[in-house]
Amino acid sequence: MSRKNSFTCILNLLFSLSLQSLVLASGSNIGQDPQDQRETSHLPEQRNRVTVLVHNYAHLPMQTLRETEDRASLIFRKAGVEIEWAECPMSDEDPSLYPKCPAVLDATQLFLRILPRAAAKTEDSGQAFVAGRIANIFWTRVEEQAQRLNVSASRFLAHTVAHELGHLLLGSNSHSPVGIMTARWDAPTVTRILQDGLYFNSQQSELIRSEMRRRKGQRMAVENALLISQR
């Protein structure tokens, strides 16, 4: 075989291999939309979940409560955390009327008590007891401040709830200069509540997710210990 014929054979072989590679590559994507390929390469992060046990001592209307929960859920969702709301009984009510209120409690659950008024003289709309995982909201204070600032009461309540729940996950000394965890809500802050809303910053969001993962790990450890003890 001449040198020219050998060179031609080599070229033909390389060309054939290239065609086979193209066919295989295209075959693996048959029926798959390019948009689907982009979406599967950016799968959303699995969100953490926290259950909030709501005790409506102020007897707020259900619509106000739902609007509040929806807005507070959005604030936490942007931080990568899903809230599951569970209506729970007051001290004089039958627990069987609230089937979604869990009987077994763990560290991944938070308590939200909406009280008709503050027990002591305070201008704050809420307070957080981190050790007890309890957030108290004073409805009369929320109403007064909402009226004074010309803000929807349910919208103001939602941000107050998110702020106090944030303390339960971030700690007592977790105020920030701006955002949902700012200590004093001045005119610019209220303007943001009215327009876009207030949210956790990226560092706070990461700390909240980390804390939820830690608490979930503790719960799983307790559940495993109970299973072992029952064997």
C-alpha atoms as a PDB file:
ATOM      1  CA  MET A   1       0.000   0.000   0.000  1.00  0.00           C
ATOM      2  CA  SER A   2       1.372   3.397  -0.938  1.00  0.00           C
ATOM      3  CA  ARG A   3       2.011   6.147   1.644  1.00  0.00           C
ATOM      4  CA  LYS A   4      -0.824   8.200   0.122  1.00  0.00           C
ATOM      5  CA  ASN A   5      -3.332   5.369   0.509  1.00  0.00           C
ATOM      6  CA  SER A   6      -2.264   4.764   4.127  1.00  0.00           C
ATOM      7  CA  PHE A   7      -2.767   8.421   4.967  1.00  0.00           C
ATOM      8  CA  THR A   8      -6.244   8.345   3.362  1.00  0.00           C
ATOM      9  CA  CYS A   9      -7.235   5.280   5.407  1.00  0.00           C
ATOM     10  CA  ILE A  10      -6.171   6.945   8.633  1.00  0.00           C
ATOM     11  CA  LEU A  11      -8.256  10.051   7.805  1.00  0.00           C
ATOM     12  CA  ASN A  12     -11.288   7.889   6.999  1.00  0.00           C
ATOM     13  CA  LEU A  13     -10.918   6.037  10.324  1.00  0.00           C
ATOM     14  CA  LEU A  14     -10.699   9.259  12.332  1.00  0.00           C
ATOM     15  CA  PHE A  15     -13.730  10.679  10.528  1.00  0.00           C
ATOM     16  CA  SER A  16     -15.729   7.517  11.283  1.00  0.00           C
ATOM     17  CA  LEU A  17     -14.850   7.632  14.978  1.00  0.00           C
ATOM     18  CA  SER A  18     -15.854  11.298  15.164  1.00  0.00           C
ATOM     19  CA  LEU A  19     -19.255  10.538  13.636  1.00  0.00           C
ATOM     20  CA  GLN A  20     -19.846   7.739  16.149  1.00  0.00           C
ATOM     21  CA  SER A  21     -19.034  10.077  19.057  1.00  0.00           C
ATOM     22  CA  LEU A  22     -21.481  12.673  17.758  1.00  0.00           C
ATOM     23  CA  VAL A  23     -24.238  10.073  17.415  1.00  0.00           C
ATOM     24  CA  LEU A  24     -23.700   8.795  20.948  1.00  0.00           C
ATOM     25  CA  ALA A  25     -23.644  12.316  22.384  1.00  0.00           C
ATOM     26  CA  SER A  26     -26.805  13.363  20.588  1.00  0.00           C
ATOM     27  CA  GLY A  27     -28.544  10.093  21.477  1.00  0.00           C
ATOM     28  CA  SER A  28     -28.075  10.677  25.204  1.00  0.00           C
ATOM     29  CA  ASN A  29     -30.021  13.957  24.910  1.00  0.00           C
ATOM     30  CA  ILE A  30     -32.896  12.731  22.708  1.00  0.00           C
ATOM     31  CA  GLY A  31     -36.213  13.904  24.109  1.00  0.00           C
ATOM     32  CA  GLN A  32     -34.547  16.144  26.706  1.00  0.00           C
ATOM     33  CA  ASP A  33     -35.195  19.855  26.489  1.00  0.00           C
ATOM     34  CA  PRO A  34     -32.129  22.101  26.919  1.00  0.00           C
ATOM     35  CA  GLN A  35     -33.999  24.007  29.629  1.00  0.00           C
ATOM     36  CA  ASP A  36     -34.454  20.753  31.564  1.00  0.00           C
ATOM     37  CA  GLN A  37     -30.718  20.144  31.400  1.00  0.00           C
ATOM     38  CA  ARG A  38     -30.017  23.543  32.911  1.00  0.00           C
ATOM     39  CA  GLU A  39     -32.578  23.018  35.684  1.00  0.00           C
ATOM     40  CA  THR A  40     -31.282  19.582  36.692  1.00  0.00           C
ATOM     41  CA  SER A  41     -27.788  21.000  37.045  1.00  0.00           C
ATOM     42  CA  HIS A  42     -29.069  23.553  39.569  1.00  0.00           C
ATOM     43  CA  LEU A  43     -31.283  21.503  41.864  1.00  0.00           C
ATOM     44  CA  PRO A  44     -32.668  23.551  44.781  1.00  0.00           C
ATOM     45  CA  GLU A  45     -31.153  22.985  48.193  1.00  0.00           C
ATOM     46  CA  GLN A  46     -33.266  20.808  50.467  1.00  0.00           C
ATOM     47  CA  ARG A  47     -34.923  23.199  52.907  1.00  0.00           C
ATOM     48  CA  ASN A  48     -34.947  22.885  56.656  1.00  0.00           C
ATOM     49  CA  ARG A  49     -38.291  22.769  58.414  1.00  0.00           C
ATOM     50  CA  VAL A  50     -39.373  24.219  61.724  1.00  0.00           C
ATOM     51  CA  THR A  51     -42.734  23.729  63.409  1.00  0.00           C
ATOM     52  CA  VAL A  52     -44.226  26.737  65.170  1.00  0.00           C
ATOM     53  CA  LEU A  53     -46.890  25.964  67.770  1.00  0.00           C
ATOM     54  CA  VAL A  54     -49.318  28.896  67.783  1.00  0.00           C
ATOM     55  CA  HIS A  55     -51.287  29.803  70.906  1.00  0.00           C
ATOM     56  CA  ASN A  56     -53.743  32.532  69.935  1.00  0.00           C
ATOM     57  CA  TYR A  57     -54.533  33.964  73.368  1.00  0.00           C
ATOM     58  CA  ALA A  58     -55.511  37.286  71.761  1.00  0.00           C
ATOM     59  CA  HIS A  59     -58.241  35.478  69.773  1.00  0.00           C
ATOM     60  CA  LEU A  60     -57.180  37.109  66.510  1.00  0.00           C
ATOM     61  CA  PRO A  61     -59.512  36.593  63.537  1.00  0.00           C
ATOM     62  CA  MET A  62     -58.501  33.618  61.406  1.00  0.00           C
ATOM     63  CA  GLN A  63     -57.926  35.843  58.363  1.00  0.00           C
ATOM     64  CA  THR A  64     -55.472  38.053  60.284  1.00  0.00           C
ATOM     65  CA  LEU A  65     -53.683  34.961  61.548  1.00  0.00           C
ATOM     66  CA  ARG A  66     -53.420  33.412  58.083  1.00  0.00           C
ATOM     67  CA  GLU A  67     -52.126  36.637  56.519  1.00  0.00           C
ATOM     68  CA  THR A  68     -49.547  36.868  59.286  1.00  0.00           C
ATOM     69  CA  GLU A  69     -48.410  33.279  58.844  1.00  0.00           C
ATOM     70  CA  ASP A  70     -48.170  33.618  55.057  1.00  0.00           C
ATOM     71  CA  ARG A  71     -45.930  36.692  55.259  1.00  0.00           C
ATOM     72  CA  ALA A  72     -43.747  35.254  58.037  1.00  0.00           C
ATOM     73  CA  SER A  73     -43.407  32.018  56.031  1.00  0.00           C
ATOM     74  CA  LEU A  74     -42.163  34.020  53.047  1.00  0.00           C
ATOM     75  CA  ILE A  75     -39.532  35.755  55.189  1.00  0.00           C
ATOM     76  CA  PHE A  76     -38.182  32.423  56.437  1.00  0.00           C
ATOM     77  CA  ARG A  77     -38.502  30.772  53.026  1.00  0.00           C
ATOM     78  CA  LYS A  78     -36.077  33.316  51.615  1.00  0.00           C
ATOM     79  CA  ALA A  79     -33.669  32.182  54.338  1.00  0.00           C
ATOM     80  CA  GLY A  80     -34.047  28.542  53.230  1.00  0.00           C
ATOM     81  CA  VAL A  81     -36.394  27.447  56.031  1.00  0.00           C
ATOM     82  CA  GLU A  82     -39.986  26.228  55.713  1.00  0.00           C
ATOM     83  CA  ILE A  83     -42.374  26.908  58.590  1.00  0.00           C
ATOM     84  CA  GLU A  84     -45.120  24.476  59.492  1.00  0.00           C
ATOM     85  CA  TRP A  85     -47.770  26.260  61.578  1.00  0.00           C
ATOM     86  CA  ALA A  86     -49.732  24.237  64.122  1.00  0.00           C
ATOM     87  CA  GLU A  87     -52.667  25.768  65.967  1.00  0.00           C
ATOM     88  CA  CYS A  88     -52.544  24.702  69.607  1.00  0.00           C
ATOM     89  CA  PRO A  89     -55.038  24.993  72.478  1.00  0.00           C
ATOM     90  CA  MET A  90     -55.076  27.593  75.204  1.00  0.00           C
ATOM     91  CA  SER A  91     -54.865  26.360  78.773  1.00  0.00           C
ATOM     92  CA  ASP A  92     -58.648  25.901  79.146  1.00  0.00           C
ATOM     93  CA  GLU A  93     -59.334  24.244  75.774  1.00  0.00           C
ATOM     94  CA  ASP A  94     -59.688  20.618  74.760  1.00  0.00           C
ATOM     95  CA  PRO A  95     -56.482  19.432  73.020  1.00  0.00           C
ATOM     96  CA  SER A  96     -58.500  17.067  70.819  1.00  0.00           C
ATOM     97  CA  LEU A  97     -59.884  20.123  69.009  1.00  0.00           C
ATOM     98  CA  TYR A  98     -56.379  20.811  67.670  1.00  0.00           C
ATOM     99  CA  PRO A  99     -55.237  17.581  65.970  1.00  0.00           C
ATOM    100  CA  LYS A 100     -52.271  19.253  64.245  1.00  0.00           C
ATOM    101  CA  CYS A 101     -50.728  20.295  67.561  1.00  0.00           C
ATOM    102  CA  PRO A 102     -48.062  17.651  68.304  1.00  0.00           C
ATOM    103  CA  ALA A 103     -48.188  15.857  71.623  1.00  0.00           C
ATOM    104  CA  VAL A 104     -44.461  15.076  71.610  1.00  0.00           C
ATOM    105  CA  LEU A 105     -42.192  18.109  71.611  1.00  0.00           C
ATOM    106  CA  ASP A 106     -38.559  18.463  70.568  1.00  0.00           C
ATOM    107  CA  ALA A 107     -35.967  21.169  69.921  1.00  0.00           C
ATOM    108  CA  THR A 108     -37.059  21.697  66.304  1.00  0.00           C
ATOM    109  CA  GLN A 109     -40.373  23.153  67.502  1.00  0.00           C
ATOM    110  CA  LEU A 110     -40.910  26.750  68.598  1.00  0.00           C
ATOM    111  CA  PHE A 111     -43.712  28.262  70.659  1.00  0.00           C
ATOM    112  CA  LEU A 112     -45.531  31.390  69.514  1.00  0.00           C
ATOM    113  CA  ARG A 113     -47.886  32.979  72.034  1.00  0.00           C
ATOM    114  CA  ILE A 114     -49.992  35.896  70.785  1.00  0.00           C
ATOM    115  CA  LEU A 115     -51.093  37.670  73.949  1.00  0.00           C
ATOM    116  CA  PRO A 116     -53.762  40.376  74.150  1.00  0.00           C
ATOM    117  CA  ARG A 117     -51.499  42.753  76.076  1.00  0.00           C
ATOM    118  CA  ALA A 118     -48.077  43.025  77.659  1.00  0.00           C
ATOM    119  CA  ALA A 119     -47.750  41.767  81.218  1.00  0.00           C
ATOM    120  CA  ALA A 120     -45.452  44.647  82.142  1.00  0.00           C
ATOM    121  CA  LYS A 121     -45.043  48.222  80.985  1.00  0.00           C
ATOM    122  CA  THR A 122     -43.050  47.923  77.805  1.00  0.00           C
ATOM    123  CA  GLU A 123     -43.026  49.556  74.402  1.00  0.00           C
ATOM    124  CA  ASP A 124     -41.830  46.412  72.694  1.00  0.00           C
ATOM    125  CA  SER A 125     -44.246  44.470  70.522  1.00  0.00           C
ATOM    126  CA  GLY A 126     -42.696  41.147  71.450  1.00  0.00           C
ATOM    127  CA  GLN A 127     -40.073  39.288  73.422  1.00  0.00           C
ATOM    128  CA  ALA A 128     -38.174  36.043  73.040  1.00  0.00           C
ATOM    129  CA  PHE A 129     -37.160  33.496  75.675  1.00  0.00           C
ATOM    130  CA  VAL A 130     -34.427  31.584  73.888  1.00  0.00           C
ATOM    131  CA  ALA A 131     -33.949  28.853  76.496  1.00  0.00           C
ATOM    132  CA  GLY A 132     -37.670  28.045  76.506  1.00  0.00           C
ATOM    133  CA  ARG A 133     -38.068  28.436  72.715  1.00  0.00           C
ATOM    134  CA  ILE A 134     -40.969  30.831  73.404  1.00  0.00           C
ATOM    135  CA  ALA A 135     -41.811  34.001  71.454  1.00  0.00           C
ATOM    136  CA  ASN A 136     -44.405  36.294  73.015  1.00  0.00           C
ATOM    137  CA  ILE A 137     -46.231  38.827  70.856  1.00  0.00           C
ATOM    138  CA  PHE A 138     -48.301  41.603  72.440  1.00  0.00           C
ATOM    139  CA  TRP A 139     -51.225  42.292  70.149  1.00  0.00           C
ATOM    140  CA  THR A 140     -52.195  45.684  71.653  1.00  0.00           C
ATOM    141  CA  ARG A 141     -48.644  46.938  71.133  1.00  0.00           C
ATOM    142  CA  VAL A 142     -48.666  45.681  67.539  1.00  0.00           C
ATOM    143  CA  GLU A 143     -51.979  47.413  66.851  1.00  0.00           C
ATOM    144  CA  GLU A 144     -50.812  50.676  68.406  1.00  0.00           C
ATOM    145  CA  GLN A 145     -47.565  50.764  66.452  1.00  0.00           C
ATOM    146  CA  ALA A 146     -49.252  49.692  63.211  1.00  0.00           C
ATOM    147  CA  GLN A 147     -51.795  52.501  63.532  1.00  0.00           C
ATOM    148  CA  ARG A 148     -49.142  55.056  64.476  1.00  0.00           C
ATOM    149  CA  LEU A 149     -46.937  54.066  61.529  1.00  0.00           C
ATOM    150  CA  ASN A 150     -49.898  53.624  59.150  1.00  0.00           C
ATOM    151  CA  VAL A 151     -49.003  50.001  58.406  1.00  0.00           C
ATOM    152  CA  SER A 152     -51.299  47.005  57.930  1.00  0.00           C
ATOM    153  CA  ALA A 153     -51.647  45.315  61.311  1.00  0.00           C
ATOM    154  CA  SER A 154     -51.217  41.798  59.891  1.00  0.00           C
ATOM    155  CA  ARG A 155     -48.130  42.843  57.902  1.00  0.00           C
ATOM    156  CA  PHE A 156     -46.580  44.510  60.940  1.00  0.00           C
ATOM    157  CA  LEU A 157     -47.472  41.475  63.062  1.00  0.00           C
ATOM    158  CA  ALA A 158     -45.838  39.113  60.558  1.00  0.00           C
ATOM    159  CA  HIS A 159     -42.535  40.990  60.693  1.00  0.00           C
ATOM    160  CA  THR A 160     -42.724  41.118  64.495  1.00  0.00           C
ATOM    161  CA  VAL A 161     -43.312  37.349  64.616  1.00  0.00           C
ATOM    162  CA  ALA A 162     -40.407  36.691  62.223  1.00  0.00           C
ATOM    163  CA  HIS A 163     -38.157  38.954  64.310  1.00  0.00           C
ATOM    164  CA  GLU A 164     -38.903  37.140  67.578  1.00  0.00           C
ATOM    165  CA  LEU A 165     -38.693  33.673  66.000  1.00  0.00           C
ATOM    166  CA  GLY A 166     -35.365  34.802  64.564  1.00  0.00           C
ATOM    167  CA  HIS A 167     -34.122  35.431  68.111  1.00  0.00           C
ATOM    168  CA  LEU A 168     -35.082  31.881  69.097  1.00  0.00           C
ATOM    169  CA  LEU A 169     -32.801  30.519  66.363  1.00  0.00           C
ATOM    170  CA  LEU A 170     -30.056  33.160  66.339  1.00  0.00           C
ATOM    171  CA  GLY A 171     -29.846  33.926  70.064  1.00  0.00           C
ATOM    172  CA  SER A 172     -30.731  36.858  72.280  1.00  0.00           C
ATOM    173  CA  ASN A 173     -27.925  39.171  71.159  1.00  0.00           C
ATOM    174  CA  SER A 174     -28.649  38.915  67.453  1.00  0.00           C
ATOM    175  CA  HIS A 175     -29.824  42.393  66.510  1.00  0.00           C
ATOM    176  CA  SER A 176     -28.409  43.883  63.316  1.00  0.00           C
ATOM    177  CA  PRO A 177     -28.196  47.461  61.968  1.00  0.00           C
ATOM    178  CA  VAL A 178     -30.657  46.743  59.140  1.00  0.00           C
ATOM    179  CA  GLY A 179     -33.083  44.055  58.027  1.00  0.00           C
ATOM    180  CA  ILE A 180     -35.579  41.954  59.936  1.00  0.00           C
ATOM    181  CA  MET A 181     -33.344  41.737  63.007  1.00  0.00           C
ATOM    182  CA  THR A 182     -32.898  45.490  63.490  1.00  0.00           C
ATOM    183  CA  ALA A 183     -33.754  46.537  67.047  1.00  0.00           C
ATOM    184  CA  ARG A 184     -35.696  49.731  66.326  1.00  0.00           C
ATOM    185  CA  TRP A 185     -37.990  50.136  63.366  1.00  0.00           C
ATOM    186  CA  ASP A 186     -37.607  53.726  62.238  1.00  0.00           C
ATOM    187  CA  ALA A 187     -39.272  55.433  59.243  1.00  0.00           C
ATOM    188  CA  PRO A 188     -36.952  53.907  56.575  1.00  0.00           C
ATOM    189  CA  THR A 189     -37.474  50.457  58.106  1.00  0.00           C
ATOM    190  CA  VAL A 190     -41.253  50.863  58.065  1.00  0.00           C
ATOM    191  CA  THR A 191     -41.056  52.009  54.441  1.00  0.00           C
ATOM    192  CA  ARG A 192     -39.295  48.761  53.561  1.00  0.00           C
ATOM    193  CA  ILE A 193     -41.970  46.788  55.432  1.00  0.00           C
ATOM    194  CA  LEU A 194     -44.605  48.490  53.294  1.00  0.00           C
ATOM    195  CA  GLN A 195     -42.756  47.996  50.014  1.00  0.00           C
ATOM    196  CA  ASP A 196     -40.535  44.916  49.746  1.00  0.00           C
ATOM    197  CA  GLY A 197     -40.524  43.705  53.346  1.00  0.00           C
ATOM    198  CA  LEU A 198     -37.659  42.915  55.705  1.00  0.00           C
ATOM    199  CA  TYR A 199     -35.605  39.729  55.463  1.00  0.00           C
ATOM    200  CA  PHE A 200     -32.667  37.920  57.042  1.00  0.00           C
ATOM    201  CA  ASN A 201     -29.279  38.677  55.511  1.00  0.00           C
ATOM    202  CA  SER A 202     -27.113  35.904  54.061  1.00  0.00           C
ATOM    203  CA  GLN A 203     -25.088  35.393  57.242  1.00  0.00           C
ATOM    204  CA  GLN A 204     -28.202  35.182  59.422  1.00  0.00           C
ATOM    205  CA  SER A 205     -29.828  32.791  56.946  1.00  0.00           C
ATOM    206  CA  GLU A 206     -26.832  30.463  57.063  1.00  0.00           C
ATOM    207  CA  LEU A 207     -26.758  30.562  60.881  1.00  0.00           C
ATOM    208  CA  ILE A 208     -30.476  29.732  61.035  1.00  0.00           C
ATOM    209  CA  ARG A 209     -30.080  26.767  58.658  1.00  0.00           C
ATOM    210  CA  SER A 210     -27.066  25.553  60.619  1.00  0.00           C
ATOM    211  CA  GLU A 211     -28.989  25.787  63.886  1.00  0.00           C
ATOM    212  CA  MET A 212     -31.909  23.856  62.407  1.00  0.00           C
ATOM    213  CA  ARG A 213     -29.566  21.113  61.204  1.00  0.00           C
ATOM    214  CA  ARG A 214     -28.031  20.913  64.681  1.00  0.00           C
ATOM    215  CA  ARG A 215     -31.438  20.611  66.361  1.00  0.00           C
ATOM    216  CA  LYS A 216     -32.577  18.014  63.854  1.00  0.00           C
ATOM    217  CA  GLY A 217     -29.454  16.000  64.629  1.00  0.00           C
ATOM    218  CA  GLN A 218     -30.238  16.150  68.344  1.00  0.00           C
ATOM    219  CA  ARG A 219     -33.795  14.974  67.716  1.00  0.00           C
ATOM    220  CA  MET A 220     -32.629  12.039  65.592  1.00  0.00           C
ATOM    221  CA  ALA A 221     -30.128  11.062  68.304  1.00  0.00           C
ATOM    222  CA  VAL A 222     -32.897  11.009  70.913  1.00  0.00           C
ATOM    223  CA  GLU A 223     -35.197   9.000  68.612  1.00  0.00           C
ATOM    224  CA  ASN A 224     -32.435   6.450  67.964  1.00  0.00           C
ATOM    225  CA  ALA A 225     -31.737   6.162  71.692  1.00  0.00           C
ATOM    226  CA  LEU A 226     -35.439   5.500  72.367  1.00  0.00           C
ATOM    227  CA  LEU A 227     -35.555   2.838  69.664  1.00  0.00           C
ATOM    228  CA  ILE A 228     -32.506   1.075  71.097  1.00  0.00           C
ATOM    229  CA  SER A 229     -33.953   1.169  74.634  1.00  0.00           C
ATOM    230  CA  GLN A 230     -37.207  -0.417  73.419  1.00  0.00           C
ATOM    231  CA  ARG A 231     -35.506  -3.417  71.827  1.00  0.00           C
END
